[in-house]
Protein backbone atom coordinates (compact mmCIF):
# COMPACT_ATOMS: atom_id res chain seq x y z
CA MET A 1 113.87 72.45 84.17
CA ALA A 2 112.59 74.79 81.47
CA VAL A 3 111.16 78.14 82.53
CA LEU A 4 108.62 80.51 81.01
CA VAL A 5 109.24 84.09 82.17
CA THR A 6 106.20 86.33 81.79
CA ARG A 7 107.62 89.36 83.61
CA PRO A 8 107.43 92.27 81.13
CA ASP A 9 110.14 94.52 79.64
CA VAL A 10 113.81 94.59 80.58
CA ARG A 11 113.39 92.87 83.96
CA GLY A 12 111.87 89.84 82.28
CA ALA A 13 114.62 89.79 79.68
CA GLN A 14 117.25 90.07 82.43
CA LEU A 15 115.80 87.17 84.41
CA THR A 16 115.67 85.05 81.25
CA GLU A 17 119.34 85.79 80.57
CA MET A 18 120.26 85.01 84.20
CA LEU A 19 118.56 81.63 83.90
CA ILE A 20 120.31 80.84 80.63
CA GLN A 21 123.68 81.78 82.16
CA ALA A 22 122.88 79.39 85.02
CA GLY A 23 122.41 76.60 82.47
CA ILE A 24 118.61 76.61 82.53
CA PHE A 25 116.51 76.79 79.38
CA ALA A 26 114.19 79.80 79.51
CA ILE A 27 111.74 81.59 77.22
CA HIS A 28 110.68 85.20 77.71
CA LEU A 29 107.02 85.69 76.82
CA PRO A 30 105.92 89.11 78.10
CA LEU A 31 102.15 89.31 78.03
CA PHE A 32 102.10 93.10 78.36
CA THR A 33 104.10 96.05 77.17
CA ILE A 34 104.45 99.04 79.48
CA GLU A 35 103.46 102.39 78.01
CA THR A 36 103.00 105.96 79.21
CA GLY A 37 100.06 106.47 81.55
CA ARG A 38 97.13 108.67 80.62
CA GLU A 39 97.28 110.88 83.73
CA LEU A 40 100.98 111.74 83.89
CA ASN A 41 100.42 115.35 82.87
CA ASP A 42 98.44 115.81 86.10
CA LEU A 43 101.41 114.85 88.30
CA PRO A 44 102.86 118.34 88.97
CA ASN A 45 99.43 119.66 89.92
CA LYS A 46 98.66 116.66 92.15
CA LEU A 47 101.96 117.04 93.99
CA SER A 48 101.44 120.76 94.51
CA GLN A 49 98.05 120.10 96.12
CA LEU A 50 99.51 117.94 98.89
CA LYS A 51 100.10 119.41 102.35
CA ALA A 52 103.43 119.22 104.14
CA GLY A 53 103.71 115.76 105.70
CA ASP A 54 101.40 114.07 103.20
CA TYR A 55 102.38 110.77 101.55
CA VAL A 56 103.42 109.73 98.05
CA PHE A 57 103.37 105.97 97.40
CA ALA A 58 104.94 104.43 94.28
CA VAL A 59 103.57 100.98 93.49
CA SER A 60 106.46 99.88 91.24
CA LYS A 61 109.66 100.89 89.48
CA HIS A 62 107.61 101.58 86.36
CA ALA A 63 105.57 104.15 88.28
CA VAL A 64 108.75 105.74 89.61
CA GLN A 65 110.45 105.95 86.22
CA TYR A 66 107.52 107.51 84.40
CA ALA A 67 106.86 109.95 87.25
CA VAL A 68 110.51 110.98 87.50
CA ASP A 69 110.80 111.52 83.75
CA THR A 70 107.62 113.59 83.72
CA LEU A 71 108.77 115.93 86.47
CA LYS A 72 112.16 116.36 84.80
CA ASN A 73 110.54 117.23 81.50
CA THR A 74 108.18 119.76 83.08
CA GLY A 75 110.83 121.43 85.23
CA PHE A 76 109.27 120.47 88.56
CA SER A 77 111.16 118.87 91.44
CA TRP A 78 110.14 116.44 94.16
CA ARG A 79 109.05 118.23 97.30
CA THR A 80 111.19 117.94 100.41
CA ASP A 81 108.25 118.23 102.85
CA LEU A 82 106.45 115.02 101.82
CA ALA A 83 106.94 111.41 102.95
CA TYR A 84 107.71 108.88 100.22
CA PHE A 85 106.91 105.16 100.23
CA ALA A 86 107.31 102.09 98.01
CA VAL A 87 106.12 98.52 98.41
CA GLY A 88 109.44 96.73 97.77
CA GLN A 89 113.12 97.21 98.52
CA ARG A 90 114.24 97.50 94.90
CA SER A 91 111.52 100.00 94.07
CA ALA A 92 112.32 101.99 97.22
CA GLU A 93 116.04 102.09 96.44
CA PHE A 94 115.35 103.15 92.86
CA PHE A 95 112.84 105.78 93.98
CA ALA A 96 115.30 107.19 96.54
CA SER A 97 118.13 107.31 94.00
CA GLN A 98 115.97 109.24 91.54
CA ILE A 99 114.43 111.80 93.88
CA GLU A 100 117.31 112.07 96.41
CA ARG A 101 114.91 111.62 99.31
CA ALA A 102 114.43 108.88 101.88
CA VAL A 103 111.85 106.30 100.79
CA LEU A 104 110.25 103.96 103.33
CA TYR A 105 109.19 100.41 102.51
CA PRO A 106 108.04 97.32 104.46
CA TYR A 107 111.18 95.24 104.83
CA ARG A 108 109.54 92.17 106.37
CA GLN A 109 106.65 91.84 103.93
CA GLU A 110 106.89 93.53 100.53
CA SER A 111 103.17 93.91 99.91
CA SER A 112 100.25 96.22 100.56
CA GLU A 113 99.69 94.38 103.83
CA GLY A 114 103.29 95.02 104.85
CA LEU A 115 103.04 98.68 103.92
CA LEU A 116 99.89 99.06 106.01
CA ALA A 117 101.72 97.55 108.99
CA LEU A 118 104.29 100.38 109.08
CA ASP A 119 104.02 102.74 112.05
CA ALA A 120 103.48 105.67 109.69
CA MET A 121 100.33 104.02 108.32
CA GLN A 122 98.47 103.41 111.58
CA ASP A 123 96.73 106.77 112.02
CA LEU A 124 96.02 108.35 108.66
CA SER A 125 93.45 110.92 109.71
CA GLU A 126 94.15 114.26 108.01
CA LYS A 127 96.60 112.55 105.62
CA HIS A 128 96.37 112.88 101.85
CA ILE A 129 98.00 109.99 99.97
CA LEU A 130 98.91 110.14 96.28
CA ILE A 131 99.41 106.67 94.77
CA LEU A 132 101.58 106.44 91.65
CA ARG A 133 100.54 103.29 89.81
CA GLY A 134 99.58 101.62 86.54
CA ASN A 135 96.16 101.08 85.07
CA GLY A 136 94.06 98.60 87.00
CA GLY A 137 95.77 96.74 89.78
CA ARG A 138 94.91 96.04 93.38
CA GLU A 139 92.75 98.43 95.43
CA TYR A 140 93.45 96.95 98.87
CA PHE A 141 95.91 99.59 100.10
CA SER A 142 93.71 102.43 98.90
CA GLU A 143 90.63 100.97 100.56
CA GLN A 144 92.37 100.29 103.87
CA ALA A 145 94.05 103.71 103.96
CA GLN A 146 90.67 105.37 103.50
CA LEU A 147 89.23 103.31 106.35
CA ARG A 148 92.05 104.69 108.51
CA GLY A 149 91.05 108.24 107.69
CA ALA A 150 93.19 109.14 104.67
CA LYS A 151 92.11 110.93 101.54
CA VAL A 152 93.51 108.82 98.71
CA GLU A 153 94.08 109.73 95.07
CA THR A 154 95.60 107.53 92.38
CA LEU A 155 97.52 108.67 89.34
CA GLU A 156 98.06 106.41 86.33
CA CYS A 157 101.76 106.73 85.53
CA TYR A 158 101.88 103.80 83.12
CA GLN A 159 99.54 101.36 81.45
CA ARG A 160 99.84 97.68 80.68
CA VAL A 161 98.96 96.98 77.06
CA PRO A 162 98.41 93.31 76.09
CA THR A 163 100.93 92.05 73.54
CA ALA A 164 99.45 90.58 70.35
CA TYR A 165 100.51 86.97 69.71
CA ASN A 166 99.24 83.91 67.93
CA ASN A 167 98.26 82.31 71.24
CA ALA A 168 98.06 78.71 70.07
CA GLU A 169 101.42 78.99 68.29
CA GLN A 170 103.18 80.40 71.36
CA ILE A 171 101.80 77.69 73.62
CA SER A 172 102.83 75.03 71.11
CA ILE A 173 106.38 76.41 71.20
CA CYS A 174 106.38 76.33 75.00
CA LYS A 175 105.17 72.73 75.12
CA ARG A 176 107.70 71.55 72.53
CA ALA A 177 110.42 73.29 74.54
CA GLY A 178 109.43 71.32 77.62
CA ILE A 179 108.37 74.31 79.70
CA ASN A 180 107.48 73.06 83.19
CA ARG A 181 107.92 76.17 85.33
CA LEU A 182 106.26 79.56 85.15
CA VAL A 183 107.40 82.86 86.66
CA ILE A 184 104.42 85.07 87.51
CA SER A 185 105.10 88.48 89.06
CA SER A 186 101.57 89.89 89.39
CA ALA A 187 97.96 88.82 89.75
CA GLU A 188 97.17 90.63 86.49
CA ILE A 189 99.73 88.54 84.60
CA LEU A 190 98.41 85.34 86.17
CA GLN A 191 94.84 86.05 85.17
CA TYR A 192 95.87 87.11 81.67
CA LEU A 193 97.94 83.95 81.24
CA VAL A 194 94.93 81.80 82.11
CA ASP A 195 92.89 83.68 79.50
CA PHE A 196 95.78 83.60 77.00
CA VAL A 197 96.23 79.82 77.02
CA PRO A 198 93.57 77.87 75.10
CA GLU A 199 91.30 75.95 77.47
CA SER A 200 92.35 72.68 75.84
CA GLU A 201 95.87 73.32 77.19
CA HIS A 202 94.91 74.22 80.77
CA ASN A 203 95.84 70.77 82.09
CA TRP A 204 99.37 71.30 80.80
CA LEU A 205 99.47 74.89 82.07
CA LYS A 206 98.41 73.99 85.60
CA SER A 207 100.76 71.00 85.75
CA CYS A 208 103.67 73.47 85.56
CA GLN A 209 105.22 74.63 88.81
CA LEU A 210 104.32 78.28 89.37
CA VAL A 211 106.88 80.57 91.01
CA THR A 212 105.51 83.89 92.18
CA VAL A 213 106.32 86.83 94.44
CA SER A 214 103.60 86.95 97.10
CA GLN A 215 101.37 84.66 99.10
CA ARG A 216 98.34 86.51 97.76
CA ILE A 217 99.23 85.57 94.17
CA ALA A 218 100.02 82.02 95.29
CA ASN A 219 96.58 81.72 96.86
CA LEU A 220 94.97 83.00 93.66
CA ALA A 221 96.94 80.44 91.63
CA LYS A 222 95.69 77.64 93.86
CA GLN A 223 92.13 78.88 93.46
CA LEU A 224 92.63 78.76 89.69
CA GLY A 225 93.79 75.14 89.84
CA TRP A 226 97.56 75.05 90.45
CA CYS A 227 98.87 72.60 93.04
CA ASP A 228 102.62 73.22 92.84
CA VAL A 229 103.19 76.87 93.81
CA VAL A 230 106.38 78.38 95.25
CA VAL A 231 106.70 81.90 96.67
CA SER A 232 109.95 83.85 96.30
CA PRO A 233 110.86 85.79 99.48
CA ARG A 234 111.31 88.93 97.39
CA ALA A 235 110.23 90.12 93.95
CA ASP A 236 113.62 91.04 92.45
CA ASN A 237 115.33 88.87 89.86
CA VAL A 238 118.14 87.72 92.17
CA HIS A 239 115.68 86.22 94.64
CA LEU A 240 113.54 84.78 91.85
CA LEU A 241 116.60 83.05 90.39
CA LYS A 242 117.57 81.65 93.80
CA THR A 243 114.03 80.39 94.31
CA LEU A 244 113.99 78.68 90.92
CA LEU A 245 117.36 77.05 91.55
CA SER A 246 116.44 75.86 95.03
CA ALA A 247 113.11 74.48 93.84
CA ASP A 248 114.83 72.26 91.29
């Protein structure tokens, strides 16, 4: 087994190192860098406009980190009269550790669908929800929350910036290295990878087993032409490593 890890930044580097320590050849090829979002300066004002009992939802650890740093730098603190949510356990734990508040997350299904299944999300009339996120991304939660009566605002805490590579050269390296498994942690990365790889190499690309973090991304991969797709039960590196090892 030889694995291509596309997860960006330190988490991708950590997973690559974990694979190497487990005796598995791995290459880290982050397709994006994560940079400061264009709306972060609006965060203190957006938080102050929320009513007691309103919701703040952080889409990822990146959103949490940039939001936390911004409030620290501006001298504001996280309000105690709001409810805080995240989509995954690791993000929720990190969020809670940074803001010293309880953070709810969907334990059974770490996705927008799981979040919407929480009791707190059933009747959203009169609720104002602030979503801390990156540029682009999925709109499903926002759309469904509005259908349930919520007023929803999004705030771009970070942005994904495509990394400049010689595409053909990178794919040549991957093929020579015998890459036959791909780790894909978001739909955006999957779509960008398809665009990144020259069309003449798509047969090779889609012959690789694809390991991902949600059934939604798995379904998208199958629509794009993959047959061998495995879903990790959770999105953190420990579960991704276990999934890769068990799929061998």
